[in-house]
Structures are given as structure tokens and as C-alpha cells.
N, C-alpha and C. Protein backbone atom coordinates (compact mmCIF):
# COMPACT_ATOMS: atom_id res chain seq x y z
N MET A 1 88.02 23.57 143.32
CA MET A 1 87.87 24.97 142.97
C MET A 1 86.98 25.10 141.74
N THR A 2 86.25 26.18 141.70
CA THR A 2 85.33 26.45 140.61
C THR A 2 85.93 27.53 139.70
N THR A 3 85.77 27.35 138.39
CA THR A 3 86.19 28.39 137.45
C THR A 3 85.07 29.42 137.37
N VAL A 4 85.43 30.69 137.55
CA VAL A 4 84.47 31.79 137.48
C VAL A 4 84.91 32.76 136.39
N CYS A 5 83.92 33.40 135.78
CA CYS A 5 84.19 34.34 134.69
C CYS A 5 83.55 35.68 134.99
N SER A 6 84.19 36.74 134.55
CA SER A 6 83.70 38.09 134.83
C SER A 6 82.63 38.51 133.83
N PHE A 7 82.09 39.68 134.05
CA PHE A 7 81.06 40.27 133.20
C PHE A 7 81.71 41.12 132.10
N PRO A 8 80.94 41.46 131.08
CA PRO A 8 81.45 42.42 130.09
C PRO A 8 81.62 43.80 130.75
N PRO A 9 82.44 44.64 130.15
CA PRO A 9 82.62 45.98 130.72
C PRO A 9 81.36 46.82 130.56
N VAL A 10 81.21 47.77 131.46
CA VAL A 10 80.18 48.80 131.36
C VAL A 10 80.93 50.05 130.94
N ALA A 11 80.73 50.48 129.71
CA ALA A 11 81.49 51.63 129.21
C ALA A 11 80.88 52.12 127.91
N ASP A 12 81.07 53.39 127.66
CA ASP A 12 80.78 53.90 126.32
C ASP A 12 82.00 54.68 125.84
N CYS A 13 81.92 55.20 124.64
CA CYS A 13 83.10 55.82 124.03
C CYS A 13 83.54 57.10 124.73
N ASN A 14 82.70 57.67 125.58
CA ASN A 14 83.07 58.90 126.29
C ASN A 14 83.73 58.65 127.64
N ALA A 15 83.91 57.41 128.02
CA ALA A 15 84.49 57.08 129.34
C ALA A 15 85.85 57.73 129.49
N ARG A 16 86.07 58.32 130.65
CA ARG A 16 87.36 58.95 130.98
C ARG A 16 88.05 58.24 132.14
N VAL A 17 87.23 57.57 132.97
CA VAL A 17 87.71 56.90 134.17
C VAL A 17 87.28 55.43 134.09
N LEU A 18 88.15 54.55 134.55
CA LEU A 18 87.86 53.12 134.61
C LEU A 18 88.02 52.66 136.04
N ILE A 19 86.97 52.08 136.60
CA ILE A 19 87.02 51.47 137.92
C ILE A 19 87.11 49.96 137.73
N LEU A 20 88.11 49.37 138.35
CA LEU A 20 88.35 47.94 138.19
C LEU A 20 88.26 47.19 139.50
N GLY A 21 87.44 46.15 139.51
CA GLY A 21 87.46 45.17 140.58
C GLY A 21 88.35 44.02 140.15
N SER A 22 88.40 42.99 140.97
CA SER A 22 89.21 41.82 140.61
C SER A 22 88.35 40.81 139.85
N MET A 23 87.31 40.28 140.52
CA MET A 23 86.42 39.27 139.95
C MET A 23 85.13 39.33 140.76
N PRO A 24 83.97 39.25 140.10
CA PRO A 24 82.71 39.30 140.86
C PRO A 24 82.63 38.17 141.89
N GLY A 25 82.02 38.49 143.03
CA GLY A 25 81.78 37.50 144.06
C GLY A 25 80.58 36.63 143.72
N VAL A 26 80.32 35.67 144.58
CA VAL A 26 79.24 34.71 144.35
C VAL A 26 77.89 35.41 144.20
N ALA A 27 77.57 36.36 145.07
CA ALA A 27 76.27 37.06 144.99
C ALA A 27 76.14 37.80 143.67
N SER A 28 77.21 38.42 143.22
CA SER A 28 77.18 39.15 141.95
C SER A 28 77.01 38.19 140.77
N LEU A 29 77.74 37.08 140.80
CA LEU A 29 77.63 36.10 139.73
C LEU A 29 76.22 35.52 139.66
N GLN A 30 75.64 35.24 140.82
CA GLN A 30 74.28 34.69 140.84
C GLN A 30 73.26 35.71 140.33
N ALA A 31 73.45 36.98 140.65
CA ALA A 31 72.52 38.03 140.23
C ALA A 31 72.81 38.52 138.81
N GLY A 32 74.00 38.25 138.31
CA GLY A 32 74.40 38.77 137.01
C GLY A 32 74.59 40.27 137.02
N GLN A 33 75.05 40.80 138.18
CA GLN A 33 75.21 42.24 138.36
C GLN A 33 76.51 42.52 139.11
N TYR A 34 77.17 43.59 138.71
CA TYR A 34 78.33 44.05 139.46
C TYR A 34 77.91 44.46 140.87
N TYR A 35 78.70 44.06 141.85
CA TYR A 35 78.56 44.49 143.24
C TYR A 35 77.15 44.26 143.79
N ALA A 36 76.65 43.04 143.62
CA ALA A 36 75.28 42.71 144.02
C ALA A 36 75.14 42.33 145.49
N HIS A 37 76.22 42.04 146.16
CA HIS A 37 76.11 41.70 147.59
C HIS A 37 75.49 42.87 148.33
N PRO A 38 74.45 42.63 149.12
CA PRO A 38 73.73 43.75 149.76
C PRO A 38 74.58 44.58 150.72
N ARG A 39 75.68 44.01 151.23
CA ARG A 39 76.53 44.78 152.14
C ARG A 39 77.74 45.38 151.45
N ASN A 40 77.89 45.18 150.15
CA ASN A 40 79.00 45.80 149.44
C ASN A 40 78.70 47.30 149.34
N ALA A 41 79.68 48.11 149.64
CA ALA A 41 79.48 49.56 149.69
C ALA A 41 79.65 50.26 148.34
N PHE A 42 79.95 49.51 147.28
CA PHE A 42 80.23 50.15 145.99
C PHE A 42 79.10 51.06 145.53
N TRP A 43 77.89 50.52 145.39
CA TRP A 43 76.79 51.34 144.87
C TRP A 43 76.39 52.47 145.82
N PRO A 44 76.34 52.25 147.13
CA PRO A 44 76.07 53.39 148.02
C PRO A 44 77.14 54.48 147.93
N ILE A 45 78.39 54.10 147.76
CA ILE A 45 79.46 55.11 147.63
C ILE A 45 79.28 55.89 146.33
N LEU A 46 79.06 55.19 145.21
CA LEU A 46 78.89 55.90 143.94
C LEU A 46 77.65 56.77 143.97
N ALA A 47 76.59 56.30 144.61
CA ALA A 47 75.37 57.11 144.73
C ALA A 47 75.66 58.39 145.51
N ALA A 48 76.42 58.28 146.59
CA ALA A 48 76.76 59.46 147.39
C ALA A 48 77.66 60.41 146.59
N LEU A 49 78.63 59.87 145.88
CA LEU A 49 79.56 60.71 145.13
C LEU A 49 78.88 61.43 143.97
N LEU A 50 77.96 60.74 143.31
CA LEU A 50 77.33 61.29 142.11
C LEU A 50 75.92 61.81 142.38
N ASP A 51 75.55 61.86 143.65
CA ASP A 51 74.28 62.45 144.09
C ASP A 51 73.06 61.77 143.44
N TRP A 52 73.05 60.45 143.52
CA TRP A 52 71.90 59.68 143.04
C TRP A 52 70.92 59.50 144.18
N PRO A 53 69.64 59.37 143.88
CA PRO A 53 68.68 59.02 144.92
C PRO A 53 68.87 57.56 145.33
N SER A 54 68.46 57.23 146.54
CA SER A 54 68.59 55.85 146.99
C SER A 54 67.58 54.97 146.23
N GLY A 55 67.91 53.72 146.10
CA GLY A 55 66.99 52.78 145.47
C GLY A 55 66.96 52.80 143.96
N VAL A 56 67.96 53.41 143.32
CA VAL A 56 68.00 53.44 141.86
C VAL A 56 68.22 52.01 141.37
N ALA A 57 67.44 51.58 140.39
CA ALA A 57 67.54 50.24 139.84
C ALA A 57 68.90 50.02 139.17
N TYR A 58 69.30 48.77 139.06
CA TYR A 58 70.61 48.42 138.52
C TYR A 58 70.84 49.01 137.13
N ALA A 59 69.91 48.85 136.22
CA ALA A 59 70.09 49.37 134.86
C ALA A 59 70.28 50.89 134.88
N GLU A 60 69.58 51.57 135.77
CA GLU A 60 69.72 53.02 135.88
C GLU A 60 71.09 53.40 136.46
N ARG A 61 71.59 52.59 137.41
CA ARG A 61 72.93 52.84 137.95
C ARG A 61 73.98 52.77 136.85
N LEU A 62 73.85 51.75 136.00
CA LEU A 62 74.82 51.61 134.90
C LEU A 62 74.72 52.78 133.93
N ALA A 63 73.50 53.22 133.65
CA ALA A 63 73.31 54.37 132.76
C ALA A 63 73.91 55.63 133.38
N ARG A 64 73.75 55.79 134.67
CA ARG A 64 74.30 56.97 135.35
C ARG A 64 75.84 56.93 135.38
N LEU A 65 76.42 55.75 135.53
CA LEU A 65 77.88 55.64 135.44
C LEU A 65 78.36 56.09 134.07
N ARG A 66 77.70 55.58 133.03
CA ARG A 66 78.10 55.95 131.67
C ARG A 66 77.97 57.45 131.46
N ALA A 67 76.89 58.03 131.96
CA ALA A 67 76.67 59.47 131.80
C ALA A 67 77.75 60.29 132.51
N ALA A 68 78.27 59.75 133.60
CA ALA A 68 79.33 60.43 134.35
C ALA A 68 80.72 60.14 133.75
N ARG A 69 80.76 59.44 132.65
CA ARG A 69 82.00 59.08 131.95
C ARG A 69 82.87 58.12 132.76
N ILE A 70 82.20 57.22 133.49
CA ILE A 70 82.89 56.22 134.29
C ILE A 70 82.61 54.85 133.70
N ALA A 71 83.68 54.09 133.44
CA ALA A 71 83.58 52.71 132.97
C ALA A 71 83.83 51.78 134.16
N LEU A 72 83.28 50.59 134.07
CA LEU A 72 83.37 49.61 135.15
C LEU A 72 83.70 48.25 134.55
N TRP A 73 84.68 47.57 135.15
CA TRP A 73 85.05 46.24 134.66
C TRP A 73 85.83 45.54 135.76
N ASP A 74 86.30 44.34 135.45
CA ASP A 74 87.16 43.57 136.34
C ASP A 74 88.48 43.28 135.65
N VAL A 75 89.51 43.15 136.42
CA VAL A 75 90.82 42.85 135.87
C VAL A 75 90.83 41.44 135.28
N LEU A 76 90.19 40.51 135.97
CA LEU A 76 90.27 39.12 135.57
C LEU A 76 89.10 38.73 134.67
N GLN A 77 89.42 38.04 133.59
CA GLN A 77 88.39 37.46 132.74
C GLN A 77 87.89 36.17 133.37
N SER A 78 88.83 35.38 133.91
CA SER A 78 88.45 34.14 134.57
C SER A 78 89.55 33.74 135.55
N CYS A 79 89.15 32.88 136.47
CA CYS A 79 90.09 32.31 137.44
C CYS A 79 89.39 31.15 138.14
N ARG A 80 90.15 30.41 138.92
CA ARG A 80 89.56 29.39 139.79
C ARG A 80 89.53 29.94 141.20
N ARG A 81 88.37 29.75 141.84
CA ARG A 81 88.21 30.28 143.19
C ARG A 81 87.03 29.56 143.84
N ASP A 82 87.15 29.27 145.11
CA ASP A 82 86.02 28.80 145.90
C ASP A 82 85.54 29.98 146.74
N GLY A 83 84.25 30.25 146.72
CA GLY A 83 83.70 31.37 147.48
C GLY A 83 83.91 32.69 146.75
N SER A 84 83.93 33.76 147.53
CA SER A 84 83.99 35.11 146.96
C SER A 84 85.28 35.86 147.24
N LEU A 85 86.07 35.38 148.17
CA LEU A 85 87.22 36.16 148.62
C LEU A 85 88.35 36.19 147.58
N ASP A 86 88.94 37.36 147.42
CA ASP A 86 90.09 37.50 146.53
C ASP A 86 91.24 36.60 146.97
N ALA A 87 91.37 36.40 148.27
CA ALA A 87 92.45 35.56 148.79
C ALA A 87 92.31 34.11 148.34
N ALA A 88 91.11 33.71 147.92
CA ALA A 88 90.87 32.33 147.48
C ALA A 88 91.16 32.12 146.00
N ILE A 89 91.52 33.18 145.27
CA ILE A 89 91.82 33.05 143.85
C ILE A 89 93.12 32.27 143.66
N ASP A 90 93.07 31.26 142.81
CA ASP A 90 94.26 30.50 142.45
C ASP A 90 95.03 31.32 141.41
N ASP A 91 96.13 31.92 141.82
CA ASP A 91 96.89 32.80 140.93
C ASP A 91 97.33 32.10 139.65
N ALA A 92 97.59 30.81 139.71
CA ALA A 92 98.03 30.07 138.53
C ALA A 92 96.92 29.96 137.48
N SER A 93 95.67 30.23 137.87
CA SER A 93 94.54 30.10 136.95
C SER A 93 94.10 31.43 136.34
N ILE A 94 94.74 32.51 136.70
CA ILE A 94 94.30 33.85 136.29
C ILE A 94 94.44 34.06 134.79
N VAL A 95 93.35 34.53 134.18
CA VAL A 95 93.34 34.98 132.80
C VAL A 95 92.83 36.42 132.83
N PRO A 96 93.65 37.39 132.47
CA PRO A 96 93.20 38.79 132.52
C PRO A 96 92.28 39.12 131.35
N ASN A 97 91.47 40.14 131.54
CA ASN A 97 90.65 40.66 130.45
C ASN A 97 91.54 41.33 129.40
N ASP A 98 90.99 41.56 128.22
CA ASP A 98 91.73 42.16 127.10
C ASP A 98 91.73 43.68 127.22
N PHE A 99 92.65 44.20 127.98
CA PHE A 99 92.72 45.65 128.17
C PHE A 99 93.32 46.36 126.97
N GLY A 100 94.16 45.68 126.22
CA GLY A 100 94.69 46.29 125.01
C GLY A 100 93.56 46.63 124.05
N GLY A 101 92.70 45.68 123.80
CA GLY A 101 91.55 45.91 122.91
C GLY A 101 90.58 46.91 123.50
N PHE A 102 90.32 46.80 124.80
CA PHE A 102 89.39 47.71 125.45
C PHE A 102 89.87 49.16 125.36
N LEU A 103 91.14 49.38 125.64
CA LEU A 103 91.67 50.74 125.65
C LEU A 103 91.87 51.30 124.24
N LEU A 104 91.97 50.43 123.26
CA LEU A 104 91.96 50.90 121.87
C LEU A 104 90.59 51.46 121.50
N GLN A 105 89.55 50.90 122.08
CA GLN A 105 88.18 51.36 121.81
C GLN A 105 87.77 52.51 122.73
N HIS A 106 88.45 52.68 123.83
CA HIS A 106 88.11 53.70 124.83
C HIS A 106 89.33 54.58 125.08
N THR A 107 89.70 55.33 124.06
CA THR A 107 90.96 56.08 124.07
C THR A 107 90.94 57.29 125.00
N ARG A 108 89.78 57.66 125.52
CA ARG A 108 89.71 58.83 126.41
C ARG A 108 89.98 58.48 127.87
N ILE A 109 90.06 57.20 128.17
CA ILE A 109 90.32 56.80 129.56
C ILE A 109 91.75 57.15 129.92
N THR A 110 91.89 57.93 130.98
CA THR A 110 93.21 58.32 131.47
C THR A 110 93.44 57.94 132.93
N HIS A 111 92.36 57.65 133.66
CA HIS A 111 92.46 57.33 135.08
C HIS A 111 91.86 55.96 135.36
N VAL A 112 92.62 55.15 136.09
CA VAL A 112 92.17 53.82 136.49
C VAL A 112 92.19 53.77 138.02
N PHE A 113 91.04 53.41 138.59
CA PHE A 113 90.93 53.27 140.04
C PHE A 113 90.64 51.81 140.34
N PHE A 114 91.40 51.26 141.28
CA PHE A 114 91.24 49.86 141.65
C PHE A 114 90.41 49.75 142.91
N ASN A 115 89.42 48.88 142.87
CA ASN A 115 88.59 48.60 144.03
C ASN A 115 89.29 47.51 144.84
N GLY A 116 90.28 47.93 145.62
CA GLY A 116 91.00 47.02 146.48
C GLY A 116 92.36 46.60 145.94
N SER A 117 93.11 45.93 146.80
CA SER A 117 94.50 45.59 146.49
C SER A 117 94.63 44.45 145.49
N LYS A 118 93.73 43.47 145.49
CA LYS A 118 93.85 42.37 144.53
C LYS A 118 93.67 42.87 143.10
N ALA A 119 92.72 43.77 142.89
CA ALA A 119 92.53 44.34 141.54
C ALA A 119 93.80 45.05 141.10
N GLU A 120 94.38 45.85 142.00
CA GLU A 120 95.60 46.57 141.64
C GLU A 120 96.76 45.62 141.37
N SER A 121 96.99 44.67 142.26
CA SER A 121 98.15 43.78 142.08
C SER A 121 97.99 42.91 140.83
N ALA A 122 96.79 42.44 140.55
CA ALA A 122 96.58 41.64 139.34
C ALA A 122 96.78 42.47 138.08
N PHE A 123 96.31 43.71 138.08
CA PHE A 123 96.49 44.58 136.92
C PHE A 123 97.97 44.86 136.69
N ARG A 124 98.67 45.20 137.77
CA ARG A 124 100.10 45.52 137.63
C ARG A 124 100.92 44.30 137.21
N ARG A 125 100.51 43.12 137.63
CA ARG A 125 101.27 41.91 137.31
C ARG A 125 100.93 41.35 135.94
N TYR A 126 99.64 41.26 135.61
CA TYR A 126 99.21 40.54 134.42
C TYR A 126 98.85 41.43 133.23
N VAL A 127 98.61 42.71 133.46
CA VAL A 127 98.14 43.58 132.38
C VAL A 127 99.17 44.65 132.03
N LEU A 128 99.59 45.41 133.01
CA LEU A 128 100.43 46.59 132.76
C LEU A 128 101.70 46.30 131.96
N PRO A 129 102.43 45.20 132.23
CA PRO A 129 103.67 44.98 131.47
C PRO A 129 103.46 44.83 129.96
N GLU A 130 102.30 44.41 129.55
CA GLU A 130 102.02 44.20 128.13
C GLU A 130 101.20 45.33 127.51
N LEU A 131 100.84 46.32 128.29
CA LEU A 131 99.90 47.34 127.83
C LEU A 131 100.62 48.42 127.03
N PHE A 132 100.17 48.64 125.81
CA PHE A 132 100.80 49.60 124.90
C PHE A 132 100.65 51.05 125.36
N CYS A 133 99.61 51.34 126.13
CA CYS A 133 99.32 52.73 126.50
C CYS A 133 99.48 52.99 127.99
N ALA A 134 100.31 52.20 128.65
CA ALA A 134 100.46 52.32 130.10
C ALA A 134 100.89 53.72 130.52
N ASP A 135 101.66 54.40 129.68
CA ASP A 135 102.16 55.73 130.05
C ASP A 135 101.08 56.79 130.08
N ARG A 136 99.91 56.54 129.49
CA ARG A 136 98.83 57.53 129.51
C ARG A 136 97.89 57.36 130.70
N LEU A 137 98.09 56.30 131.48
CA LEU A 137 97.16 55.97 132.56
C LEU A 137 97.68 56.41 133.93
N VAL A 138 96.84 57.06 134.68
CA VAL A 138 97.10 57.35 136.09
C VAL A 138 96.35 56.28 136.87
N CYS A 139 97.08 55.49 137.63
CA CYS A 139 96.48 54.35 138.35
C CYS A 139 96.54 54.59 139.85
N GLU A 140 95.43 54.29 140.53
CA GLU A 140 95.36 54.51 141.97
C GLU A 140 94.48 53.46 142.63
N ARG A 141 94.97 52.88 143.72
CA ARG A 141 94.19 51.91 144.49
C ARG A 141 93.32 52.65 145.51
N LEU A 142 92.08 52.21 145.60
CA LEU A 142 91.14 52.70 146.60
C LEU A 142 90.80 51.54 147.53
N PRO A 143 90.30 51.84 148.73
CA PRO A 143 89.96 50.74 149.62
C PRO A 143 88.81 49.91 149.06
N SER A 144 88.90 48.62 149.27
CA SER A 144 87.88 47.71 148.79
C SER A 144 86.52 48.05 149.39
N THR A 145 85.50 47.97 148.56
CA THR A 145 84.13 48.21 149.03
C THR A 145 83.49 46.93 149.54
N SER A 146 84.20 45.83 149.50
CA SER A 146 83.69 44.54 149.93
C SER A 146 83.36 44.53 151.42
N PRO A 147 82.30 43.82 151.80
CA PRO A 147 82.01 43.70 153.23
C PRO A 147 83.11 42.94 153.97
N ALA A 148 83.92 42.16 153.25
CA ALA A 148 85.03 41.45 153.88
C ALA A 148 86.14 42.41 154.31
N HIS A 149 86.16 43.59 153.74
CA HIS A 149 87.16 44.60 154.08
C HIS A 149 86.56 45.53 155.13
N ALA A 150 86.50 45.04 156.35
CA ALA A 150 85.83 45.77 157.43
C ALA A 150 86.78 46.65 158.23
N ALA A 151 88.04 46.72 157.82
CA ALA A 151 89.00 47.55 158.55
C ALA A 151 88.65 49.03 158.47
N ARG A 152 87.94 49.42 157.43
CA ARG A 152 87.51 50.81 157.26
C ARG A 152 86.00 50.85 157.20
N GLY A 153 85.42 51.83 157.84
CA GLY A 153 83.99 52.01 157.80
C GLY A 153 83.54 52.72 156.53
N PHE A 154 82.24 52.85 156.36
CA PHE A 154 81.68 53.46 155.17
C PHE A 154 82.19 54.88 154.97
N ASP A 155 82.17 55.71 156.02
CA ASP A 155 82.58 57.11 155.86
C ASP A 155 84.04 57.24 155.44
N GLU A 156 84.90 56.39 155.99
CA GLU A 156 86.31 56.43 155.62
C GLU A 156 86.50 55.98 154.16
N LYS A 157 85.77 54.94 153.75
CA LYS A 157 85.83 54.50 152.35
C LYS A 157 85.31 55.60 151.43
N LEU A 158 84.21 56.23 151.80
CA LEU A 158 83.64 57.30 150.99
C LEU A 158 84.64 58.44 150.80
N ARG A 159 85.32 58.83 151.88
CA ARG A 159 86.33 59.90 151.75
C ARG A 159 87.42 59.50 150.76
N ALA A 160 87.89 58.28 150.84
CA ALA A 160 88.93 57.83 149.92
C ALA A 160 88.43 57.78 148.48
N TRP A 161 87.20 57.32 148.29
CA TRP A 161 86.63 57.18 146.95
C TRP A 161 86.30 58.53 146.32
N ARG A 162 86.34 59.61 147.06
CA ARG A 162 86.14 60.95 146.48
C ARG A 162 87.17 61.25 145.39
N ARG A 163 88.29 60.53 145.42
CA ARG A 163 89.33 60.71 144.40
C ARG A 163 88.75 60.49 142.99
N VAL A 164 87.76 59.63 142.87
CA VAL A 164 87.17 59.35 141.56
C VAL A 164 86.56 60.61 140.98
N ILE A 165 85.81 61.35 141.77
CA ILE A 165 85.16 62.55 141.24
C ILE A 165 86.07 63.76 141.28
N GLN A 166 87.18 63.66 142.00
CA GLN A 166 88.15 64.75 142.00
C GLN A 166 89.10 64.67 140.82
N SER A 167 89.10 63.53 140.13
CA SER A 167 89.94 63.43 138.94
C SER A 167 89.40 64.42 137.92
N PRO A 168 90.25 64.97 137.08
CA PRO A 168 89.81 66.00 136.14
C PRO A 168 88.88 65.45 135.05
N CYS A 169 88.63 64.14 135.09
CA CYS A 169 87.87 63.51 134.00
C CYS A 169 86.39 63.33 134.28
N VAL A 170 85.99 63.48 135.52
CA VAL A 170 84.60 63.16 135.88
C VAL A 170 83.85 64.43 136.24
N ASP A 171 82.69 64.56 135.71
CA ASP A 171 81.78 65.63 136.08
C ASP A 171 80.61 64.99 136.82
N PRO A 172 80.58 65.10 138.16
CA PRO A 172 79.53 64.43 138.92
C PRO A 172 78.13 64.81 138.46
N SER A 173 77.95 65.99 137.93
CA SER A 173 76.60 66.40 137.50
C SER A 173 76.15 65.60 136.28
N ASP A 174 77.07 64.98 135.55
CA ASP A 174 76.69 64.16 134.40
C ASP A 174 76.05 62.85 134.82
N GLY A 175 76.25 62.45 136.07
CA GLY A 175 75.72 61.17 136.52
C GLY A 175 74.35 61.26 137.15
N THR A 176 73.74 62.44 137.10
CA THR A 176 72.43 62.58 137.72
C THR A 176 71.33 62.58 136.69
């Protein structure tokens, strides 16, 4: 098994919503970008929700997320895993990111959306019990945008992910 490490968070002090994945996959780690796999639906879904034009460069996507008051990170700081699948993560190797420190710096975050079940279960198991501000967070799991999660099509995932912009914290017009 290979030890893999996550990326720094994408956030500014105005963030109101936090979207959490579990751990970047191989394509993302190789590219040094969140959700870099060409078949991952994350960026197309966010583009549809926030009315971005197609083909927006990665740096511009991150800037648009920040403008919409959306932060992006992963639950895990590191773990051992072969390949990209969450099911391949060795649970005994999990080291969570420092959410206590992150949320002290980002006090306006009130909504946390999980990109899939592994992100949610890892957060609830390894982070939430120790989190000083757990009572201020509304947490909700959304369907994974991974191409490995083929049980739902793009349109069904998009409908579910509308919850992000329906939260009282996001103004979709800020992301354009």
C-alpha cells in the first residue's frame, strides 16, 4: 500500500459552506488538482450549479468557489491506499485533517457537504467527536461525484447537489 496525502484547503475567510471529499484519487494527485479525473462529475456539477461557462481553467474554478463562499477540502490528511477507490483505504492508517484549526480560522462555515459516504463516515468517526464547534455545523452527505459511483447518473447527482446552493449560505451569483 502507498501512503497518500491530501491537498491544502481551498478557502477564504468568507467561506460559509465546506465541501469535503475523502482523499484525492490517483489522477488528482498526479495533476495536483482536486477532482482531476476527466470523468469525475464534481466540476461539471459545480459549473452547472453556479452557472460557469464550460472549460474554465482550474485556477479560475477555485477563484469562483471562493467567490461563492464555498470551501473545498478532504477529510483525510493522509492514509494508505492502493489505487483511487475509497474502499481501498486502510482505516488503521487514517490521519484526519486539522478541522479544529481550520474552523477556528473559518468561523462563518455553518454547512458541511460530504462528497460521498466515505467522506461522511470518516468525518463522523475521526473528526466530529473531537470538534469543539460541532453544534454549529449542519452536515449532509451528497452522492459521490466519482466515476466509480455509477449507480446515479449526472442529472440525478446534479439534483441532489442543488442542496449546496439551496443552503442559506451560498449566493450562486457570487461564483460567476
